[in-house]
Amino acid sequence: MRFSVCAPFALGLLLAACAKPEPVDSVIDRAVAESNAEVDARKKAFSYTPPPPPKHQKCRFVGKTLIGLSRAELKAKCGLAYPINRTTTASGTREQWVYYGNDRTMELLVYVENGVVTAVQDR
């Protein structure tokens, strides 16, 4: 009776001891792959993508129709530009209003001097 209970257990130990061990290189490769997958998942979870510049409707008032408008009129017709680059000198303030299209390419540059549109540059 004793032999019949111990025999399957002994046979299992014998087979486990005789089994070919997994090569160390494959164990290391598997651990590295799991670690890389974990790092990629963390990067994806904590990644930051800056928001795109605001989408503006295409300013339909290109060219001479914008020249002479005030800053408020320009904002009403074309929306607020992003960015607005300012230069202040002894003669006054100059601004470059940059408008982007839906494909994030520069579409229109509007130059404002002392609060009045003086020039327009189309893409």
C-alpha atoms as a PDB file:
ATOM      1  CA  MET A   1       0.000   0.000   0.000  1.00  0.00           C
ATOM      2  CA  ARG A   2       2.779   2.321   0.898  1.00  0.00           C
ATOM      3  CA  PHE A   3       4.527   1.724  -2.428  1.00  0.00           C
ATOM      4  CA  SER A   4       1.424   2.514  -4.491  1.00  0.00           C
ATOM      5  CA  VAL A   5       0.982   5.971  -2.910  1.00  0.00           C
ATOM      6  CA  CYS A   6       4.634   6.988  -3.144  1.00  0.00           C
ATOM      7  CA  ALA A   7       5.285   5.664  -6.630  1.00  0.00           C
ATOM      8  CA  PRO A   8       3.439   8.364  -8.608  1.00  0.00           C
ATOM      9  CA  PHE A   9       5.015  11.076  -6.476  1.00  0.00           C
ATOM     10  CA  ALA A  10       8.515   9.638  -6.962  1.00  0.00           C
ATOM     11  CA  LEU A  11       7.922   9.274 -10.694  1.00  0.00           C
ATOM     12  CA  GLY A  12       6.907  12.958 -10.899  1.00  0.00           C
ATOM     13  CA  LEU A  13      10.054  14.043  -9.060  1.00  0.00           C
ATOM     14  CA  LEU A  14      12.201  11.902 -11.314  1.00  0.00           C
ATOM     15  CA  LEU A  15      10.654  13.345 -14.486  1.00  0.00           C
ATOM     16  CA  ALA A  16      10.974  16.918 -13.180  1.00  0.00           C
ATOM     17  CA  ALA A  17      14.636  16.375 -12.352  1.00  0.00           C
ATOM     18  CA  CYS A  18      15.315  14.898 -15.785  1.00  0.00           C
ATOM     19  CA  ALA A  19      13.510  17.658 -17.707  1.00  0.00           C
ATOM     20  CA  LYS A  20      15.746  19.854 -19.788  1.00  0.00           C
ATOM     21  CA  PRO A  21      16.132  23.289 -18.105  1.00  0.00           C
ATOM     22  CA  GLU A  22      15.272  26.421 -20.064  1.00  0.00           C
ATOM     23  CA  PRO A  23      18.399  28.175 -21.392  1.00  0.00           C
ATOM     24  CA  VAL A  24      19.424  31.246 -19.430  1.00  0.00           C
ATOM     25  CA  ASP A  25      19.496  33.410 -22.571  1.00  0.00           C
ATOM     26  CA  SER A  26      15.835  32.767 -23.325  1.00  0.00           C
ATOM     27  CA  VAL A  27      14.871  33.535 -19.719  1.00  0.00           C
ATOM     28  CA  ILE A  28      16.747  36.843 -19.908  1.00  0.00           C
ATOM     29  CA  ASP A  29      15.270  37.684 -23.329  1.00  0.00           C
ATOM     30  CA  ARG A  30      11.760  37.015 -22.048  1.00  0.00           C
ATOM     31  CA  ALA A  31      12.350  39.177 -18.953  1.00  0.00           C
ATOM     32  CA  VAL A  32      13.728  42.031 -21.075  1.00  0.00           C
ATOM     33  CA  ALA A  33      10.767  41.823 -23.479  1.00  0.00           C
ATOM     34  CA  GLU A  34       8.302  41.939 -20.579  1.00  0.00           C
ATOM     35  CA  SER A  35      10.172  44.895 -19.062  1.00  0.00           C
ATOM     36  CA  ASN A  36      10.180  46.767 -22.391  1.00  0.00           C
ATOM     37  CA  ALA A  37       6.454  46.172 -22.816  1.00  0.00           C
ATOM     38  CA  GLU A  38       5.856  47.520 -19.314  1.00  0.00           C
ATOM     39  CA  VAL A  39       7.956  50.632 -20.021  1.00  0.00           C
ATOM     40  CA  ASP A  40       6.119  51.244 -23.310  1.00  0.00           C
ATOM     41  CA  ALA A  41       2.765  50.956 -21.541  1.00  0.00           C
ATOM     42  CA  ARG A  42       3.871  53.490 -18.915  1.00  0.00           C
ATOM     43  CA  LYS A  43       5.161  55.901 -21.568  1.00  0.00           C
ATOM     44  CA  LYS A  44       1.870  55.665 -23.403  1.00  0.00           C
ATOM     45  CA  ALA A  45      -0.123  56.233 -20.220  1.00  0.00           C
ATOM     46  CA  PHE A  46       1.885  59.288 -19.184  1.00  0.00           C
ATOM     47  CA  SER A  47       2.729  60.787 -22.572  1.00  0.00           C
ATOM     48  CA  TYR A  48       1.859  64.415 -23.208  1.00  0.00           C
ATOM     49  CA  THR A  49       0.991  65.763 -26.605  1.00  0.00           C
ATOM     50  CA  PRO A  50       0.673  69.535 -26.706  1.00  0.00           C
ATOM     51  CA  PRO A  51      -2.640  70.786 -28.035  1.00  0.00           C
ATOM     52  CA  PRO A  52      -2.670  72.009 -31.627  1.00  0.00           C
ATOM     53  CA  PRO A  53      -2.909  75.710 -32.299  1.00  0.00           C
ATOM     54  CA  PRO A  54      -6.498  76.927 -32.406  1.00  0.00           C
ATOM     55  CA  LYS A  55      -8.249  76.216 -35.678  1.00  0.00           C
ATOM     56  CA  HIS A  56      -9.332  79.394 -37.386  1.00  0.00           C
ATOM     57  CA  GLN A  57     -11.798  79.741 -40.111  1.00  0.00           C
ATOM     58  CA  LYS A  58      -9.968  80.749 -43.243  1.00  0.00           C
ATOM     59  CA  CYS A  59      -9.897  84.497 -43.232  1.00  0.00           C
ATOM     60  CA  ARG A  60     -11.882  85.457 -46.303  1.00  0.00           C
ATOM     61  CA  PHE A  61     -10.797  89.074 -46.110  1.00  0.00           C
ATOM     62  CA  VAL A  62      -7.332  88.676 -47.557  1.00  0.00           C
ATOM     63  CA  GLY A  63      -5.258  91.481 -48.988  1.00  0.00           C
ATOM     64  CA  LYS A  64      -6.301  95.081 -49.175  1.00  0.00           C
ATOM     65  CA  THR A  65      -9.639  94.484 -47.468  1.00  0.00           C
ATOM     66  CA  LEU A  66      -7.818  93.943 -44.156  1.00  0.00           C
ATOM     67  CA  ILE A  67      -5.469  96.909 -44.446  1.00  0.00           C
ATOM     68  CA  GLY A  68      -6.622  99.812 -42.333  1.00  0.00           C
ATOM     69  CA  LEU A  69      -8.736  97.735 -39.937  1.00  0.00           C
ATOM     70  CA  SER A  70      -8.304  98.156 -36.216  1.00  0.00           C
ATOM     71  CA  ARG A  71      -7.129  95.294 -34.016  1.00  0.00           C
ATOM     72  CA  ALA A  72     -10.713  94.703 -32.797  1.00  0.00           C
ATOM     73  CA  GLU A  73     -12.117  94.631 -36.346  1.00  0.00           C
ATOM     74  CA  LEU A  74      -9.397  92.184 -37.398  1.00  0.00           C
ATOM     75  CA  LYS A  75     -10.264  89.921 -34.469  1.00  0.00           C
ATOM     76  CA  ALA A  76     -13.972  90.108 -35.354  1.00  0.00           C
ATOM     77  CA  LYS A  77     -13.373  89.164 -39.003  1.00  0.00           C
ATOM     78  CA  CYS A  78     -10.591  86.579 -38.698  1.00  0.00           C
ATOM     79  CA  GLY A  79     -10.632  85.464 -35.072  1.00  0.00           C
ATOM     80  CA  LEU A  80      -7.826  85.716 -32.558  1.00  0.00           C
ATOM     81  CA  ALA A  81      -4.449  84.771 -33.996  1.00  0.00           C
ATOM     82  CA  TYR A  82      -1.991  82.416 -32.348  1.00  0.00           C
ATOM     83  CA  PRO A  83       0.717  83.442 -31.726  1.00  0.00           C
ATOM     84  CA  ILE A  84       0.830  87.216 -31.726  1.00  0.00           C
ATOM     85  CA  ASN A  85       4.457  88.334 -31.890  1.00  0.00           C
ATOM     86  CA  ARG A  86       4.986  91.851 -30.478  1.00  0.00           C
ATOM     87  CA  THR A  87       7.882  94.270 -30.976  1.00  0.00           C
ATOM     88  CA  THR A  88       7.960  97.536 -29.056  1.00  0.00           C
ATOM     89  CA  THR A  89      10.226 100.352 -30.250  1.00  0.00           C
ATOM     90  CA  ALA A  90      10.468 104.094 -29.703  1.00  0.00           C
ATOM     91  CA  SER A  91       8.121 104.660 -32.645  1.00  0.00           C
ATOM     92  CA  GLY A  92       5.390 102.354 -31.301  1.00  0.00           C
ATOM     93  CA  THR A  93       4.281  98.733 -31.152  1.00  0.00           C
ATOM     94  CA  ARG A  94       4.344  96.328 -34.079  1.00  0.00           C
ATOM     95  CA  GLU A  95       2.533  93.005 -33.999  1.00  0.00           C
ATOM     96  CA  GLN A  96       2.631  89.997 -36.270  1.00  0.00           C
ATOM     97  CA  TRP A  97      -0.596  87.985 -36.098  1.00  0.00           C
ATOM     98  CA  VAL A  98      -0.109  84.400 -37.299  1.00  0.00           C
ATOM     99  CA  TYR A  99      -3.104  82.424 -38.554  1.00  0.00           C
ATOM    100  CA  TYR A 100      -2.909  78.675 -39.129  1.00  0.00           C
ATOM    101  CA  GLY A 101      -5.078  76.502 -41.338  1.00  0.00           C
ATOM    102  CA  ASN A 102      -6.710  73.220 -40.368  1.00  0.00           C
ATOM    103  CA  ASP A 103      -3.605  71.307 -41.491  1.00  0.00           C
ATOM    104  CA  ARG A 104      -1.453  73.278 -38.984  1.00  0.00           C
ATOM    105  CA  THR A 105       0.441  75.103 -41.695  1.00  0.00           C
ATOM    106  CA  MET A 106       0.829  78.846 -41.616  1.00  0.00           C
ATOM    107  CA  GLU A 107      -1.883  80.379 -43.715  1.00  0.00           C
ATOM    108  CA  LEU A 108      -1.742  84.114 -43.155  1.00  0.00           C
ATOM    109  CA  LEU A 109       0.487  86.760 -41.540  1.00  0.00           C
ATOM    110  CA  VAL A 110      -1.092  90.076 -40.625  1.00  0.00           C
ATOM    111  CA  TYR A 111       1.091  92.990 -39.509  1.00  0.00           C
ATOM    112  CA  VAL A 112      -0.427  95.494 -37.085  1.00  0.00           C
ATOM    113  CA  GLU A 113       1.321  98.767 -36.231  1.00  0.00           C
ATOM    114  CA  ASN A 114      -0.009 100.935 -33.419  1.00  0.00           C
ATOM    115  CA  GLY A 115      -3.349  99.103 -33.464  1.00  0.00           C
ATOM    116  CA  VAL A 116      -3.965  99.337 -37.256  1.00  0.00           C
ATOM    117  CA  VAL A 117      -3.398  96.638 -39.913  1.00  0.00           C
ATOM    118  CA  THR A 118      -0.626  97.814 -42.247  1.00  0.00           C
ATOM    119  CA  ALA A 119       0.314  94.688 -44.222  1.00  0.00           C
ATOM    120  CA  VAL A 120      -0.921  91.184 -45.042  1.00  0.00           C
ATOM    121  CA  GLN A 121       1.192  88.264 -46.200  1.00  0.00           C
ATOM    122  CA  ASP A 122      -0.576  85.240 -47.623  1.00  0.00           C
ATOM    123  CA  ARG A 123       1.000  81.802 -47.675  1.00  0.00           C
END
